[in-house]
Amino acid sequence: MTTATAPASGSRAEGRGPGLGNLMLSEWTKIRSVRSTVWSLAILVVLTLVFTALFMEMGIANWDKTDASQRAEMRLDPTGTILGSGILLSQLAVCVLGVMAIASEYSTGMIRASLLAVPRRVPVLAAKGTVFALLVLAVGEVTAFGSFFIGAPILHGKAPVALGDPGVLRAVVGCGLYLALLGLFALAVGAIIRHTAASITVVIGFVLVITPMAGLLPGSVGEHVHAWLPTQAGFMITQQHSRAGDVLGPWQGLGVLALWTAVLLAVAAVQLRRRDA
């Protein structure tokens, strides 16, 4: 009886594979051991802070030449102005890293080793997504708070703002949340397409081409389509105050991005279970 029971127990353990905690530790080891990822995130922080300082200094230097409506917008939402000045670079870097976090493993064949160790497969995606999102969240918060504390003193003479002002702390913290969700969005696309170059093209095209073009659609239908696209909706969280004509509020917009990301991750999970690597 004892001899017969032992293999069965071993088979069940083998079928379950390592727990989520062990998988997350493994994924963390992968990420921090890849120097290109570490250096990319470090350069992302530095360049975002540098660009924030440059754009703010340029804004102040050209203040008198700036259109009155733009000056009024900066006074209404200085936090959004500060965070928005460097966010484009952050978005692009996070999108590329999110895709590469999983698509590169398909390209090299490394994903097969992970899936052999975890027969159920979905925990691999969960661990990879969780570790990457937490890493981007930490980097995003450092970048957001750093940008604010660099930009606020520069703008102080024209558009004073403090962290304790209404909506400011939410916008700064929300910027990190936005980048983390955007990274998960890109990771989900990479998991679905499974090809690095194609996945990066799709994600960047969505962020830089489709979203701005949707803003050119006429009428209220165009406004709603544009507002409900993931990056446009999620970016609302970085605004200190809602603006005239906004379809979604800050938390509603972040919720829309979260919904898009959840749907893509669900598709990626189903595909992972049904398709061979």
Protein backbone atom coordinates (compact mmCIF):
# COMPACT_ATOMS: atom_id res chain seq x y z
CA MET A 1 0.00 0.00 0.00
CA THR A 2 2.78 2.41 0.91
CA THR A 3 4.67 1.68 -2.28
CA ALA A 4 1.59 2.21 -4.41
CA THR A 5 0.67 5.48 -2.71
CA ALA A 6 4.03 7.20 -3.08
CA PRO A 7 4.12 7.40 -6.88
CA ALA A 8 0.55 8.68 -6.95
CA SER A 9 1.45 11.45 -4.53
CA GLY A 10 4.52 12.27 -6.58
CA SER A 11 2.43 12.40 -9.74
CA ARG A 12 0.01 14.86 -8.18
CA ALA A 13 2.86 17.07 -7.02
CA GLU A 14 4.42 16.88 -10.45
CA GLY A 15 1.11 17.79 -12.06
CA ARG A 16 0.72 20.80 -9.80
CA GLY A 17 4.24 22.02 -10.41
CA PRO A 18 5.89 24.78 -8.33
CA GLY A 19 3.71 27.24 -6.43
CA LEU A 20 3.03 30.80 -7.52
CA GLY A 21 5.55 32.17 -4.99
CA ASN A 22 8.35 30.02 -6.41
CA LEU A 23 7.36 30.97 -9.95
CA MET A 24 7.44 34.67 -9.06
CA LEU A 25 10.89 34.23 -7.51
CA SER A 26 12.03 32.52 -10.69
CA GLU A 27 10.64 35.32 -12.86
CA TRP A 28 12.28 37.95 -10.64
CA THR A 29 15.60 36.15 -11.05
CA LYS A 30 15.12 36.18 -14.83
CA ILE A 31 14.36 39.90 -14.96
CA ARG A 32 17.17 41.11 -12.73
CA SER A 33 19.70 38.83 -14.41
CA VAL A 34 19.01 40.39 -17.82
CA ARG A 35 21.26 43.45 -17.84
CA SER A 36 19.47 45.07 -20.77
CA THR A 37 16.22 45.22 -18.79
CA VAL A 38 17.87 46.69 -15.70
CA TRP A 39 19.77 49.28 -17.71
CA SER A 40 16.71 50.11 -19.82
CA LEU A 41 14.66 50.89 -16.70
CA ALA A 42 17.48 52.93 -15.17
CA ILE A 43 17.94 54.94 -18.37
CA LEU A 44 14.16 55.35 -18.59
CA VAL A 45 14.07 57.02 -15.17
CA VAL A 46 17.02 59.30 -15.89
CA LEU A 47 15.87 60.38 -19.35
CA THR A 48 12.29 60.98 -18.19
CA LEU A 49 13.52 63.25 -15.40
CA VAL A 50 15.86 65.08 -17.78
CA PHE A 51 13.13 65.57 -20.38
CA THR A 52 10.72 66.79 -17.69
CA ALA A 53 13.23 69.42 -16.58
CA LEU A 54 13.94 70.48 -20.18
CA PHE A 55 10.28 70.78 -21.17
CA MET A 56 9.41 72.71 -18.03
CA GLU A 57 12.33 75.11 -18.54
CA MET A 58 11.30 75.59 -22.17
CA GLY A 59 7.73 76.25 -21.10
CA ILE A 60 8.79 78.93 -18.66
CA ALA A 61 11.27 80.49 -21.11
CA ASN A 62 8.55 80.77 -23.77
CA TRP A 63 5.72 81.61 -21.36
CA ASP A 64 4.99 85.05 -22.83
CA LYS A 65 4.99 83.62 -26.36
CA THR A 66 2.62 80.79 -25.46
CA ASP A 67 -1.05 80.98 -26.42
CA ALA A 68 -3.29 82.30 -23.61
CA SER A 69 -5.43 79.14 -23.64
CA GLN A 70 -2.32 76.95 -23.15
CA ARG A 71 -1.17 79.11 -20.25
CA ALA A 72 -4.62 78.82 -18.68
CA GLU A 73 -4.51 75.03 -19.08
CA MET A 74 -1.10 74.87 -17.41
CA ARG A 75 -2.38 76.95 -14.50
CA LEU A 76 -5.48 74.74 -14.21
CA ASP A 77 -3.54 71.47 -14.28
CA PRO A 78 0.18 72.01 -13.58
CA THR A 79 0.54 68.41 -12.36
CA GLY A 80 -0.77 67.03 -15.65
CA THR A 81 1.61 69.33 -17.49
CA ILE A 82 4.60 68.12 -15.46
CA LEU A 83 3.79 64.42 -15.74
CA GLY A 84 2.76 64.64 -19.38
CA SER A 85 6.04 66.22 -20.45
CA GLY A 86 8.03 63.03 -19.91
CA ILE A 87 5.36 60.34 -20.02
CA LEU A 88 5.66 59.65 -23.77
CA LEU A 89 9.18 58.30 -23.37
CA SER A 90 8.10 56.23 -20.38
CA GLN A 91 5.15 54.80 -22.30
CA LEU A 92 7.28 53.67 -25.22
CA ALA A 93 9.92 52.05 -23.00
CA VAL A 94 7.34 50.24 -20.87
CA CYS A 95 5.50 48.97 -23.95
CA VAL A 96 8.68 47.57 -25.48
CA LEU A 97 9.83 45.96 -22.22
CA GLY A 98 6.36 44.50 -21.61
CA VAL A 99 6.37 42.78 -24.99
CA MET A 100 9.94 41.55 -24.62
CA ALA A 101 9.26 40.13 -21.14
CA ILE A 102 7.37 37.25 -22.75
CA ALA A 103 7.65 37.39 -26.56
CA SER A 104 11.43 37.10 -26.42
CA GLU A 105 11.06 33.77 -24.60
CA TYR A 106 8.95 32.45 -27.45
CA SER A 107 11.54 33.66 -29.95
CA THR A 108 14.41 31.92 -28.14
CA GLY A 109 12.41 28.83 -27.14
CA MET A 110 13.05 29.42 -23.41
CA ILE A 111 9.32 29.38 -22.74
CA ARG A 112 9.24 25.62 -23.31
CA ALA A 113 11.35 24.97 -20.22
CA SER A 114 9.00 27.04 -18.07
CA LEU A 115 5.91 25.30 -19.41
CA LEU A 116 7.42 21.84 -18.92
CA ALA A 117 7.90 22.64 -15.24
CA VAL A 118 4.32 23.95 -14.88
CA PRO A 119 1.89 21.73 -16.77
CA ARG A 120 -1.09 23.98 -16.04
CA ARG A 121 0.76 26.83 -17.81
CA VAL A 122 -1.47 29.71 -16.67
CA PRO A 123 0.49 30.21 -13.39
CA VAL A 124 3.55 30.97 -15.54
CA LEU A 125 1.70 33.87 -17.17
CA ALA A 126 0.34 35.01 -13.79
CA ALA A 127 3.79 35.01 -12.18
CA LYS A 128 5.43 36.74 -15.13
CA GLY A 129 2.73 39.42 -15.27
CA THR A 130 2.73 40.03 -11.51
CA VAL A 131 6.50 40.41 -11.23
CA PHE A 132 6.73 42.67 -14.27
CA ALA A 133 3.80 44.84 -13.14
CA LEU A 134 5.25 45.29 -9.63
CA LEU A 135 8.65 46.20 -11.09
CA VAL A 136 7.16 48.77 -13.46
CA LEU A 137 4.95 50.13 -10.66
CA ALA A 138 8.01 50.74 -8.47
CA VAL A 139 9.97 52.35 -11.32
CA GLY A 140 6.90 54.32 -12.41
CA GLU A 141 6.33 55.77 -8.95
CA VAL A 142 9.98 56.78 -8.64
CA THR A 143 9.75 58.44 -12.05
CA ALA A 144 6.42 60.16 -11.32
CA PHE A 145 7.44 61.58 -7.93
CA GLY A 146 10.86 62.54 -9.29
CA SER A 147 9.27 64.35 -12.24
CA PHE A 148 6.87 66.21 -9.96
CA PHE A 149 9.53 67.36 -7.52
CA ILE A 150 11.68 68.54 -10.46
CA GLY A 151 8.89 70.23 -12.39
CA ALA A 152 6.95 71.89 -9.56
CA PRO A 153 9.75 74.30 -8.50
CA ILE A 154 10.36 75.26 -12.14
CA LEU A 155 6.68 76.06 -12.68
CA HIS A 156 6.21 77.70 -9.29
CA GLY A 157 6.46 81.27 -10.51
CA LYS A 158 3.77 80.80 -13.20
CA ALA A 159 1.66 77.85 -12.06
CA PRO A 160 2.35 77.00 -8.40
CA VAL A 161 1.45 73.49 -7.26
CA ALA A 162 2.12 71.40 -4.15
CA LEU A 163 1.74 67.70 -3.41
CA GLY A 164 -1.00 68.48 -0.88
CA ASP A 165 -3.19 70.33 -3.40
CA PRO A 166 -6.46 68.63 -4.43
CA GLY A 167 -5.91 65.87 -6.97
CA VAL A 168 -2.12 66.13 -7.02
CA LEU A 169 -1.17 63.07 -4.95
CA ARG A 170 -3.74 60.96 -6.81
CA ALA A 171 -2.33 62.07 -10.17
CA VAL A 172 1.29 61.37 -9.21
CA VAL A 173 0.55 57.95 -7.69
CA GLY A 174 -1.81 57.23 -10.59
CA CYS A 175 0.98 57.84 -13.08
CA GLY A 176 2.85 54.81 -11.71
CA LEU A 177 -0.35 52.75 -11.76
CA TYR A 178 -0.94 53.76 -15.37
CA LEU A 179 2.54 52.65 -16.44
CA ALA A 180 2.17 49.33 -14.60
CA LEU A 181 -1.15 48.59 -16.33
CA LEU A 182 0.29 49.68 -19.68
CA GLY A 183 3.18 47.27 -19.17
CA LEU A 184 0.72 44.44 -18.47
CA PHE A 185 -1.26 45.46 -21.56
CA ALA A 186 1.88 45.16 -23.69
CA LEU A 187 2.84 41.87 -22.04
CA ALA A 188 -0.60 40.44 -22.85
CA VAL A 189 -0.22 41.47 -26.50
CA GLY A 190 3.19 39.79 -26.59
CA ALA A 191 1.72 36.62 -25.07
CA ILE A 192 -1.03 36.54 -27.71
CA ILE A 193 1.08 37.31 -30.80
CA ARG A 194 4.24 35.52 -29.59
CA HIS A 195 6.52 37.44 -31.94
CA THR A 196 8.64 40.28 -30.59
CA ALA A 197 8.76 42.61 -33.60
CA ALA A 198 5.10 42.09 -34.53
CA SER A 199 3.96 42.61 -30.94
CA ILE A 200 5.96 45.82 -30.52
CA THR A 201 4.56 47.11 -33.82
CA VAL A 202 0.99 46.42 -32.71
CA VAL A 203 1.39 48.01 -29.28
CA ILE A 204 3.29 51.10 -30.48
CA GLY A 205 0.87 51.46 -33.38
CA PHE A 206 -2.02 51.39 -30.95
CA VAL A 207 -0.42 54.00 -28.68
CA LEU A 208 1.05 56.38 -31.26
CA VAL A 209 -1.17 55.93 -34.33
CA ILE A 210 -4.63 54.53 -33.65
CA THR A 211 -5.31 56.52 -30.47
CA PRO A 212 -4.38 59.96 -31.92
CA MET A 213 -6.25 59.19 -35.15
CA ALA A 214 -9.38 58.23 -33.20
CA GLY A 215 -9.32 61.73 -31.72
CA LEU A 216 -9.93 63.11 -35.22
CA LEU A 217 -13.24 61.25 -35.61
CA PRO A 218 -16.11 63.74 -35.84
CA GLY A 219 -19.01 64.15 -33.42
CA SER A 220 -19.82 62.65 -30.05
CA VAL A 221 -19.25 59.12 -31.36
CA GLY A 222 -15.66 59.99 -32.15
CA GLU A 223 -15.21 61.57 -28.71
CA HIS A 224 -16.47 58.42 -26.98
CA VAL A 225 -14.42 56.05 -29.14
CA HIS A 226 -11.30 58.10 -28.45
CA ALA A 227 -12.02 58.33 -24.71
CA TRP A 228 -12.51 54.57 -24.33
CA LEU A 229 -9.26 53.54 -26.01
CA PRO A 230 -6.90 52.08 -23.40
CA THR A 231 -4.04 54.56 -23.33
CA GLN A 232 -6.25 57.63 -23.68
CA ALA A 233 -8.53 56.41 -20.91
CA GLY A 234 -5.71 55.38 -18.59
CA PHE A 235 -3.82 58.64 -19.06
CA MET A 236 -6.73 60.50 -17.44
CA ILE A 237 -5.44 59.45 -14.02
CA THR A 238 -2.40 61.74 -14.46
CA GLN A 239 -4.58 64.87 -14.67
CA GLN A 240 -4.96 66.93 -11.54
CA HIS A 241 -8.44 68.12 -12.50
CA SER A 242 -11.06 66.97 -14.99
CA ARG A 243 -11.29 69.20 -18.03
CA ALA A 244 -14.25 70.46 -20.03
CA GLY A 245 -15.40 67.80 -22.46
CA ASP A 246 -13.82 64.85 -20.63
CA VAL A 247 -15.97 61.75 -21.13
CA LEU A 248 -14.35 59.79 -18.30
CA GLY A 249 -13.06 60.75 -14.88
CA PRO A 250 -9.54 59.86 -13.69
CA TRP A 251 -10.45 56.62 -11.90
CA GLN A 252 -12.98 55.66 -14.57
CA GLY A 253 -10.28 56.03 -17.21
CA LEU A 254 -7.84 53.88 -15.25
CA GLY A 255 -10.63 51.32 -14.84
CA VAL A 256 -11.13 51.21 -18.61
CA LEU A 257 -7.42 50.52 -19.13
CA ALA A 258 -7.60 47.81 -16.46
CA LEU A 259 -10.58 46.25 -18.25
CA TRP A 260 -8.77 46.21 -21.60
CA THR A 261 -5.74 44.65 -19.91
CA ALA A 262 -7.80 42.00 -18.09
CA VAL A 263 -9.53 40.96 -21.32
CA LEU A 264 -6.22 40.63 -23.18
CA LEU A 265 -4.68 38.66 -20.32
CA ALA A 266 -7.70 36.32 -20.33
CA VAL A 267 -7.28 35.77 -24.07
CA ALA A 268 -3.56 35.14 -23.56
CA ALA A 269 -4.30 32.62 -20.76
CA VAL A 270 -6.81 30.67 -22.89
CA GLN A 271 -4.41 30.67 -25.82
CA LEU A 272 -1.54 29.52 -23.58
CA ARG A 273 -3.54 26.50 -22.46
CA ARG A 274 -4.68 25.54 -25.93
CA ARG A 275 -1.64 26.25 -28.11
CA ASP A 276 1.77 24.67 -28.02
CA ALA A 277 4.76 26.88 -27.40
